[in-house]
Amino acid sequence: MNKTAVVRARIEPKLKKHAEDIFQRLGVSTTQAISMFYKQVELRKGLPFDVAIPNAITKKTWEATDAGEDLIVCKDANEMFEKLGI
């Protein structure tokens, strides 16, 4: 297959660096990663992940978590399951 189309995008340099570091660890080039993303869009006929506007409860939870509030800390998975009643 002949690859002749060009994709150009401006992106935050720090985000680009972090993503490219991950691509390298995965053994794929940026071009391959973008091609995989496009292929998934084609196959799913949409974005390959959920995109949603968070509701008020989710926003409040994120804000509390970011502030270090309302967190439940567990020493391990067993303690977490115990606290969840599972």
PDB file of N, CA and C in Angstrom:
ATOM      1  N   MET A   1       0.845  -1.169   0.000  1.00  0.00           N
ATOM      2  CA  MET A   1       0.000   0.000   0.000  1.00  0.00           C
ATOM      3  C   MET A   1       0.893   1.236   0.000  1.00  0.00           C
ATOM      4  N   ASN A   2       0.614   2.160  -0.878  1.00  0.00           N
ATOM      5  CA  ASN A   2       1.401   3.374  -1.014  1.00  0.00           C
ATOM      6  C   ASN A   2       0.952   4.414   0.010  1.00  0.00           C
ATOM      7  N   LYS A   3       1.880   4.879   0.824  1.00  0.00           N
ATOM      8  CA  LYS A   3       1.557   5.893   1.821  1.00  0.00           C
ATOM      9  C   LYS A   3       1.997   7.251   1.294  1.00  0.00           C
ATOM     10  N   THR A   4       1.025   8.037   0.843  1.00  0.00           N
ATOM     11  CA  THR A   4       1.371   9.335   0.283  1.00  0.00           C
ATOM     12  C   THR A   4       0.638  10.491   0.962  1.00  0.00           C
ATOM     13  N   ALA A   5      -0.360  10.215   1.796  1.00  0.00           N
ATOM     14  CA  ALA A   5      -1.088  11.285   2.469  1.00  0.00           C
ATOM     15  C   ALA A   5      -0.276  11.774   3.667  1.00  0.00           C
ATOM     16  N   VAL A   6      -0.369  13.062   3.942  1.00  0.00           N
ATOM     17  CA  VAL A   6       0.366  13.673   5.042  1.00  0.00           C
ATOM     18  C   VAL A   6      -0.617  14.168   6.087  1.00  0.00           C
ATOM     19  N   VAL A   7      -0.304  13.892   7.348  1.00  0.00           N
ATOM     20  CA  VAL A   7      -1.090  14.385   8.470  1.00  0.00           C
ATOM     21  C   VAL A   7      -0.214  15.381   9.221  1.00  0.00           C
ATOM     22  N   ARG A   8      -0.728  16.590   9.420  1.00  0.00           N
ATOM     23  CA  ARG A   8       0.023  17.610  10.163  1.00  0.00           C
ATOM     24  C   ARG A   8      -0.829  18.072  11.325  1.00  0.00           C
ATOM     25  N   ALA A   9      -0.210  18.188  12.484  1.00  0.00           N
ATOM     26  CA  ALA A   9      -0.936  18.656  13.662  1.00  0.00           C
ATOM     27  C   ALA A   9       0.026  19.355  14.604  1.00  0.00           C
ATOM     28  N   ARG A  10      -0.472  20.372  15.256  1.00  0.00           N
ATOM     29  CA  ARG A  10       0.317  21.036  16.299  1.00  0.00           C
ATOM     30  C   ARG A  10      -0.097  20.422  17.630  1.00  0.00           C
ATOM     31  N   ILE A  11       0.904  20.094  18.437  1.00  0.00           N
ATOM     32  CA  ILE A  11       0.633  19.432  19.707  1.00  0.00           C
ATOM     33  C   ILE A  11       1.614  19.949  20.750  1.00  0.00           C
ATOM     34  N   GLU A  12       1.200  19.937  21.983  1.00  0.00           N
ATOM     35  CA  GLU A  12       2.046  20.403  23.082  1.00  0.00           C
ATOM     36  C   GLU A  12       3.329  19.557  23.113  1.00  0.00           C
ATOM     37  N   PRO A  13       4.489  20.193  23.123  1.00  0.00           N
ATOM     38  CA  PRO A  13       5.756  19.447  23.059  1.00  0.00           C
ATOM     39  C   PRO A  13       5.916  18.395  24.165  1.00  0.00           C
ATOM     40  N   LYS A  14       5.497  18.704  25.372  1.00  0.00           N
ATOM     41  CA  LYS A  14       5.640  17.759  26.486  1.00  0.00           C
ATOM     42  C   LYS A  14       4.781  16.515  26.247  1.00  0.00           C
ATOM     43  N   LEU A  15       3.561  16.711  25.773  1.00  0.00           N
ATOM     44  CA  LEU A  15       2.682  15.587  25.460  1.00  0.00           C
ATOM     45  C   LEU A  15       3.281  14.738  24.346  1.00  0.00           C
ATOM     46  N   LYS A  16       3.804  15.392  23.320  1.00  0.00           N
ATOM     47  CA  LYS A  16       4.425  14.687  22.194  1.00  0.00           C
ATOM     48  C   LYS A  16       5.584  13.821  22.687  1.00  0.00           C
ATOM     49  N   LYS A  17       6.431  14.385  23.519  1.00  0.00           N
ATOM     50  CA  LYS A  17       7.599  13.665  24.049  1.00  0.00           C
ATOM     51  C   LYS A  17       7.160  12.459  24.860  1.00  0.00           C
ATOM     52  N   HIS A  18       6.182  12.653  25.758  1.00  0.00           N
ATOM     53  CA  HIS A  18       5.715  11.540  26.586  1.00  0.00           C
ATOM     54  C   HIS A  18       5.121  10.426  25.731  1.00  0.00           C
ATOM     55  N   ALA A  19       4.302  10.797  24.744  1.00  0.00           N
ATOM     56  CA  ALA A  19       3.693   9.792  23.872  1.00  0.00           C
ATOM     57  C   ALA A  19       4.766   9.060  23.068  1.00  0.00           C
ATOM     58  N   GLU A  20       5.731   9.791  22.524  1.00  0.00           N
ATOM     59  CA  GLU A  20       6.770   9.164  21.720  1.00  0.00           C
ATOM     60  C   GLU A  20       7.664   8.250  22.556  1.00  0.00           C
ATOM     61  N   ASP A  21       7.874   8.593  23.817  1.00  0.00           N
ATOM     62  CA  ASP A  21       8.618   7.700  24.719  1.00  0.00           C
ATOM     63  C   ASP A  21       7.868   6.373  24.878  1.00  0.00           C
ATOM     64  N   ILE A  22       6.550   6.451  24.990  1.00  0.00           N
ATOM     65  CA  ILE A  22       5.740   5.237  25.122  1.00  0.00           C
ATOM     66  C   ILE A  22       5.763   4.442  23.822  1.00  0.00           C
ATOM     67  N   PHE A  23       5.642   5.132  22.688  1.00  0.00           N
ATOM     68  CA  PHE A  23       5.717   4.437  21.402  1.00  0.00           C
ATOM     69  C   PHE A  23       7.037   3.670  21.292  1.00  0.00           C
ATOM     70  N   GLN A  24       8.115   4.304  21.690  1.00  0.00           N
ATOM     71  CA  GLN A  24       9.432   3.671  21.610  1.00  0.00           C
ATOM     72  C   GLN A  24       9.473   2.415  22.480  1.00  0.00           C
ATOM     73  N   ARG A  25       8.927   2.509  23.684  1.00  0.00           N
ATOM     74  CA  ARG A  25       8.898   1.345  24.577  1.00  0.00           C
ATOM     75  C   ARG A  25       8.053   0.217  23.989  1.00  0.00           C
ATOM     76  N   LEU A  26       7.026   0.592  23.231  1.00  0.00           N
ATOM     77  CA  LEU A  26       6.162  -0.399  22.587  1.00  0.00           C
ATOM     78  C   LEU A  26       6.767  -0.941  21.292  1.00  0.00           C
ATOM     79  N   GLY A  27       7.807  -0.274  20.804  1.00  0.00           N
ATOM     80  CA  GLY A  27       8.463  -0.714  19.576  1.00  0.00           C
ATOM     81  C   GLY A  27       7.749  -0.267  18.313  1.00  0.00           C
ATOM     82  N   VAL A  28       7.012   0.841  18.390  1.00  0.00           N
ATOM     83  CA  VAL A  28       6.336   1.372  17.203  1.00  0.00           C
ATOM     84  C   VAL A  28       6.765   2.815  16.984  1.00  0.00           C
ATOM     85  N   SER A  29       6.762   3.222  15.737  1.00  0.00           N
ATOM     86  CA  SER A  29       7.079   4.608  15.408  1.00  0.00           C
ATOM     87  C   SER A  29       5.833   5.469  15.597  1.00  0.00           C
ATOM     88  N   THR A  30       6.024   6.765  15.590  1.00  0.00           N
ATOM     89  CA  THR A  30       4.886   7.676  15.663  1.00  0.00           C
ATOM     90  C   THR A  30       3.961   7.466  14.473  1.00  0.00           C
ATOM     91  N   THR A  31       4.537   7.278  13.301  1.00  0.00           N
ATOM     92  CA  THR A  31       3.737   7.027  12.099  1.00  0.00           C
ATOM     93  C   THR A  31       2.907   5.756  12.256  1.00  0.00           C
ATOM     94  N   GLN A  32       3.505   4.705  12.785  1.00  0.00           N
ATOM     95  CA  GLN A  32       2.764   3.462  12.992  1.00  0.00           C
ATOM     96  C   GLN A  32       1.638   3.652  14.014  1.00  0.00           C
ATOM     97  N   ALA A  33       1.914   4.394  15.087  1.00  0.00           N
ATOM     98  CA  ALA A  33       0.897   4.634  16.115  1.00  0.00           C
ATOM     99  C   ALA A  33      -0.275   5.428  15.538  1.00  0.00           C
ATOM    100  N   ILE A  34       0.023   6.444  14.748  1.00  0.00           N
ATOM    101  CA  ILE A  34      -1.040   7.237  14.119  1.00  0.00           C
ATOM    102  C   ILE A  34      -1.830   6.371  13.144  1.00  0.00           C
ATOM    103  N   SER A  35      -1.141   5.533  12.378  1.00  0.00           N
ATOM    104  CA  SER A  35      -1.819   4.628  11.446  1.00  0.00           C
ATOM    105  C   SER A  35      -2.739   3.667  12.192  1.00  0.00           C
ATOM    106  N   MET A  36      -2.280   3.152  13.344  1.00  0.00           N
ATOM    107  CA  MET A  36      -3.120   2.260  14.145  1.00  0.00           C
ATOM    108  C   MET A  36      -4.360   2.994  14.645  1.00  0.00           C
ATOM    109  N   PHE A  37      -4.163   4.227  15.098  1.00  0.00           N
ATOM    110  CA  PHE A  37      -5.297   5.024  15.561  1.00  0.00           C
ATOM    111  C   PHE A  37      -6.303   5.220  14.430  1.00  0.00           C
ATOM    112  N   TYR A  38      -5.847   5.626  13.265  1.00  0.00           N
ATOM    113  CA  TYR A  38      -6.730   5.831  12.115  1.00  0.00           C
ATOM    114  C   TYR A  38      -7.448   4.534  11.734  1.00  0.00           C
ATOM    115  N   LYS A  39      -6.733   3.404  11.780  1.00  0.00           N
ATOM    116  CA  LYS A  39      -7.348   2.120  11.424  1.00  0.00           C
ATOM    117  C   LYS A  39      -8.459   1.769  12.411  1.00  0.00           C
ATOM    118  N   GLN A  40      -8.223   2.029  13.691  1.00  0.00           N
ATOM    119  CA  GLN A  40      -9.245   1.760  14.694  1.00  0.00           C
ATOM    120  C   GLN A  40     -10.465   2.665  14.494  1.00  0.00           C
ATOM    121  N   VAL A  41     -10.233   3.925  14.135  1.00  0.00           N
ATOM    122  CA  VAL A  41     -11.344   4.834  13.831  1.00  0.00           C
ATOM    123  C   VAL A  41     -12.151   4.270  12.668  1.00  0.00           C
ATOM    124  N   GLU A  42     -11.452   3.805  11.640  1.00  0.00           N
ATOM    125  CA  GLU A  42     -12.122   3.235  10.472  1.00  0.00           C
ATOM    126  C   GLU A  42     -12.933   1.994  10.850  1.00  0.00           C
ATOM    127  N   LEU A  43     -12.324   1.083  11.602  1.00  0.00           N
ATOM    128  CA  LEU A  43     -12.988  -0.170  11.965  1.00  0.00           C
ATOM    129  C   LEU A  43     -14.195   0.054  12.876  1.00  0.00           C
ATOM    130  N   ARG A  44     -14.072   0.989  13.816  1.00  0.00           N
ATOM    131  CA  ARG A  44     -15.150   1.240  14.788  1.00  0.00           C
ATOM    132  C   ARG A  44     -16.152   2.288  14.314  1.00  0.00           C
ATOM    133  N   LYS A  45     -15.782   2.940  13.216  1.00  0.00           N
ATOM    134  CA  LYS A  45     -16.612   4.030  12.692  1.00  0.00           C
ATOM    135  C   LYS A  45     -16.828   5.115  13.755  1.00  0.00           C
ATOM    136  N   GLY A  46     -15.747   5.428  14.454  1.00  0.00           N
ATOM    137  CA  GLY A  46     -15.767   6.446  15.507  1.00  0.00           C
ATOM    138  C   GLY A  46     -14.470   6.368  16.279  1.00  0.00           C
ATOM    139  N   LEU A  47     -14.361   7.171  17.302  1.00  0.00           N
ATOM    140  CA  LEU A  47     -13.153   7.144  18.123  1.00  0.00           C
ATOM    141  C   LEU A  47     -13.035   5.808  18.848  1.00  0.00           C
ATOM    142  N   PRO A  48     -11.823   5.294  19.006  1.00  0.00           N
ATOM    143  CA  PRO A  48     -11.640   3.986  19.631  1.00  0.00           C
ATOM    144  C   PRO A  48     -11.645   4.040  21.159  1.00  0.00           C
ATOM    145  N   PHE A  49     -12.257   5.064  21.715  1.00  0.00           N
ATOM    146  CA  PHE A  49     -12.381   5.202  23.169  1.00  0.00           C
ATOM    147  C   PHE A  49     -13.570   6.109  23.441  1.00  0.00           C
ATOM    148  N   ASP A  50     -14.120   6.008  24.648  1.00  0.00           N
ATOM    149  CA  ASP A  50     -15.261   6.836  25.011  1.00  0.00           C
ATOM    150  C   ASP A  50     -14.833   8.285  25.202  1.00  0.00           C
ATOM    151  N   VAL A  51     -15.642   9.176  24.692  1.00  0.00           N
ATOM    152  CA  VAL A  51     -15.433  10.602  24.901  1.00  0.00           C
ATOM    153  C   VAL A  51     -16.746  11.134  25.463  1.00  0.00           C
ATOM    154  N   ALA A  52     -16.681  11.664  26.661  1.00  0.00           N
ATOM    155  CA  ALA A  52     -17.894  12.148  27.308  1.00  0.00           C
ATOM    156  C   ALA A  52     -17.575  13.364  28.158  1.00  0.00           C
ATOM    157  N   ILE A  53     -18.562  14.203  28.329  1.00  0.00           N
ATOM    158  CA  ILE A  53     -18.432  15.350  29.216  1.00  0.00           C
ATOM    159  C   ILE A  53     -18.776  14.856  30.612  1.00  0.00           C
ATOM    160  N   PRO A  54     -17.864  14.993  31.567  1.00  0.00           N
ATOM    161  CA  PRO A  54     -18.134  14.476  32.907  1.00  0.00           C
ATOM    162  C   PRO A  54     -19.306  15.206  33.558  1.00  0.00           C
ATOM    163  N   ASN A  55     -20.106  14.442  34.313  1.00  0.00           N
ATOM    164  CA  ASN A  55     -21.224  15.063  35.006  1.00  0.00           C
ATOM    165  C   ASN A  55     -20.745  15.752  36.286  1.00  0.00           C
ATOM    166  N   ALA A  56     -21.630  16.398  36.986  1.00  0.00           N
ATOM    167  CA  ALA A  56     -21.270  17.185  38.170  1.00  0.00           C
ATOM    168  C   ALA A  56     -20.644  16.319  39.264  1.00  0.00           C
ATOM    169  N   ILE A  57     -21.157  15.116  39.450  1.00  0.00           N
ATOM    170  CA  ILE A  57     -20.616  14.227  40.490  1.00  0.00           C
ATOM    171  C   ILE A  57     -19.184  13.827  40.150  1.00  0.00           C
ATOM    172  N   THR A  58     -18.946  13.495  38.885  1.00  0.00           N
ATOM    173  CA  THR A  58     -17.597  13.118  38.466  1.00  0.00           C
ATOM    174  C   THR A  58     -16.638  14.285  38.629  1.00  0.00           C
ATOM    175  N   LYS A  59     -17.057  15.480  38.216  1.00  0.00           N
ATOM    176  CA  LYS A  59     -16.196  16.668  38.370  1.00  0.00           C
ATOM    177  C   LYS A  59     -15.857  16.904  39.837  1.00  0.00           C
ATOM    178  N   LYS A  60     -16.863  16.802  40.711  1.00  0.00           N
ATOM    179  CA  LYS A  60     -16.649  17.019  42.147  1.00  0.00           C
ATOM    180  C   LYS A  60     -15.677  15.973  42.706  1.00  0.00           C
ATOM    181  N   THR A  61     -15.823  14.740  42.262  1.00  0.00           N
ATOM    182  CA  THR A  61     -14.936  13.663  42.716  1.00  0.00           C
ATOM    183  C   THR A  61     -13.504  13.908  42.268  1.00  0.00           C
ATOM    184  N   TRP A  62     -13.328  14.309  41.013  1.00  0.00           N
ATOM    185  CA  TRP A  62     -11.978  14.615  40.514  1.00  0.00           C
ATOM    186  C   TRP A  62     -11.343  15.754  41.296  1.00  0.00           C
ATOM    187  N   GLU A  63     -12.118  16.799  41.550  1.00  0.00           N
ATOM    188  CA  GLU A  63     -11.594  17.951  42.295  1.00  0.00           C
ATOM    189  C   GLU A  63     -11.179  17.538  43.702  1.00  0.00           C
ATOM    190  N   ALA A  64     -12.003  16.731  44.373  1.00  0.00           N
ATOM    191  CA  ALA A  64     -11.675  16.266  45.719  1.00  0.00           C
ATOM    192  C   ALA A  64     -10.423  15.393  45.702  1.00  0.00           C
ATOM    193  N   THR A  65     -10.336  14.494  44.732  1.00  0.00           N
ATOM    194  CA  THR A  65      -9.174  13.622  44.623  1.00  0.00           C
ATOM    195  C   THR A  65      -7.908  14.427  44.373  1.00  0.00           C
ATOM    196  N   ASP A  66      -7.993  15.397  43.466  1.00  0.00           N
ATOM    197  CA  ASP A  66      -6.834  16.250  43.174  1.00  0.00           C
ATOM    198  C   ASP A  66      -6.385  17.021  44.411  1.00  0.00           C
ATOM    199  N   ALA A  67      -7.347  17.350  45.284  1.00  0.00           N
ATOM    200  CA  ALA A  67      -7.033  18.087  46.508  1.00  0.00           C
ATOM    201  C   ALA A  67      -6.616  17.149  47.639  1.00  0.00           C
ATOM    202  N   GLY A  68      -6.630  15.828  47.379  1.00  0.00           N
ATOM    203  CA  GLY A  68      -6.249  14.860  48.400  1.00  0.00           C
ATOM    204  C   GLY A  68      -7.349  14.614  49.416  1.00  0.00           C
ATOM    205  N   GLU A  69      -8.580  14.922  49.069  1.00  0.00           N
ATOM    206  CA  GLU A  69      -9.717  14.764  49.980  1.00  0.00           C
ATOM    207  C   GLU A  69     -10.527  13.540  49.611  1.00  0.00           C
ATOM    208  N   ASP A  70     -11.250  13.021  50.624  1.00  0.00           N
ATOM    209  CA  ASP A  70     -12.177  11.902  50.421  1.00  0.00           C
ATOM    210  C   ASP A  70     -11.509  10.686  49.797  1.00  0.00           C
ATOM    211  N   LEU A  71     -10.258  10.452  50.148  1.00  0.00           N
ATOM    212  CA  LEU A  71      -9.536   9.290  49.626  1.00  0.00           C
ATOM    213  C   LEU A  71      -9.587   8.152  50.637  1.00  0.00           C
ATOM    214  N   ILE A  72      -9.710   6.947  50.151  1.00  0.00           N
ATOM    215  CA  ILE A  72      -9.633   5.765  50.997  1.00  0.00           C
ATOM    216  C   ILE A  72      -8.380   5.020  50.582  1.00  0.00           C
ATOM    217  N   VAL A  73      -7.444   4.917  51.501  1.00  0.00           N
ATOM    218  CA  VAL A  73      -6.158   4.294  51.210  1.00  0.00           C
ATOM    219  C   VAL A  73      -6.158   2.874  51.755  1.00  0.00           C
ATOM    220  N   CYS A  74      -5.695   1.948  50.938  1.00  0.00           N
ATOM    221  CA  CYS A  74      -5.625   0.543  51.332  1.00  0.00           C
ATOM    222  C   CYS A  74      -4.182   0.072  51.202  1.00  0.00           C
ATOM    223  N   LYS A  75      -3.785  -0.808  52.118  1.00  0.00           N
ATOM    224  CA  LYS A  75      -2.403  -1.300  52.058  1.00  0.00           C
ATOM    225  C   LYS A  75      -2.211  -2.335  50.951  1.00  0.00           C
ATOM    226  N   ASP A  76      -3.311  -3.006  50.560  1.00  0.00           N
ATOM    227  CA  ASP A  76      -3.229  -3.992  49.490  1.00  0.00           C
ATOM    228  C   ASP A  76      -4.626  -4.274  48.944  1.00  0.00           C
ATOM    229  N   ALA A  77      -4.686  -5.143  47.951  1.00  0.00           N
ATOM    230  CA  ALA A  77      -5.964  -5.457  47.303  1.00  0.00           C
ATOM    231  C   ALA A  77      -6.934  -6.118  48.270  1.00  0.00           C
ATOM    232  N   ASN A  78      -6.434  -6.978  49.152  1.00  0.00           N
ATOM    233  CA  ASN A  78      -7.321  -7.642  50.112  1.00  0.00           C
ATOM    234  C   ASN A  78      -8.034  -6.633  51.002  1.00  0.00           C
ATOM    235  N   GLU A  79      -7.291  -5.634  51.482  1.00  0.00           N
ATOM    236  CA  GLU A  79      -7.913  -4.611  52.318  1.00  0.00           C
ATOM    237  C   GLU A  79      -8.940  -3.803  51.499  1.00  0.00           C
ATOM    238  N   MET A  80      -8.635  -3.543  50.254  1.00  0.00           N
ATOM    239  CA  MET A  80      -9.570  -2.818  49.402  1.00  0.00           C
ATOM    240  C   MET A  80     -10.871  -3.600  49.253  1.00  0.00           C
ATOM    241  N   PHE A  81     -10.744  -4.901  48.943  1.00  0.00           N
ATOM    242  CA  PHE A  81     -11.945  -5.736  48.787  1.00  0.00           C
ATOM    243  C   PHE A  81     -12.730  -5.811  50.086  1.00  0.00           C
ATOM    244  N   GLU A  82     -12.021  -5.870  51.205  1.00  0.00           N
ATOM    245  CA  GLU A  82     -12.680  -5.907  52.514  1.00  0.00           C
ATOM    246  C   GLU A  82     -13.474  -4.624  52.743  1.00  0.00           C
ATOM    247  N   LYS A  83     -12.864  -3.470  52.439  1.00  0.00           N
ATOM    248  CA  LYS A  83     -13.556  -2.199  52.619  1.00  0.00           C
ATOM    249  C   LYS A  83     -14.739  -2.065  51.670  1.00  0.00           C
ATOM    250  N   LEU A  84     -14.640  -2.687  50.486  1.00  0.00           N
ATOM    251  CA  LEU A  84     -15.737  -2.653  49.528  1.00  0.00           C
ATOM    252  C   LEU A  84     -16.821  -3.683  49.855  1.00  0.00           C
ATOM    253  N   GLY A  85     -16.534  -4.569  50.797  1.00  0.00           N
ATOM    254  CA  GLY A  85     -17.497  -5.600  51.164  1.00  0.00           C
ATOM    255  C   GLY A  85     -17.598  -6.710  50.142  1.00  0.00           C
ATOM    256  N   ILE A  86     -16.489  -6.950  49.455  1.00  0.00           N
ATOM    257  CA  ILE A  86     -16.479  -7.986  48.416  1.00  0.00           C
ATOM    258  C   ILE A  86     -15.778  -9.214  48.939  1.00  0.00           C
TER     259      ILE A  86
END
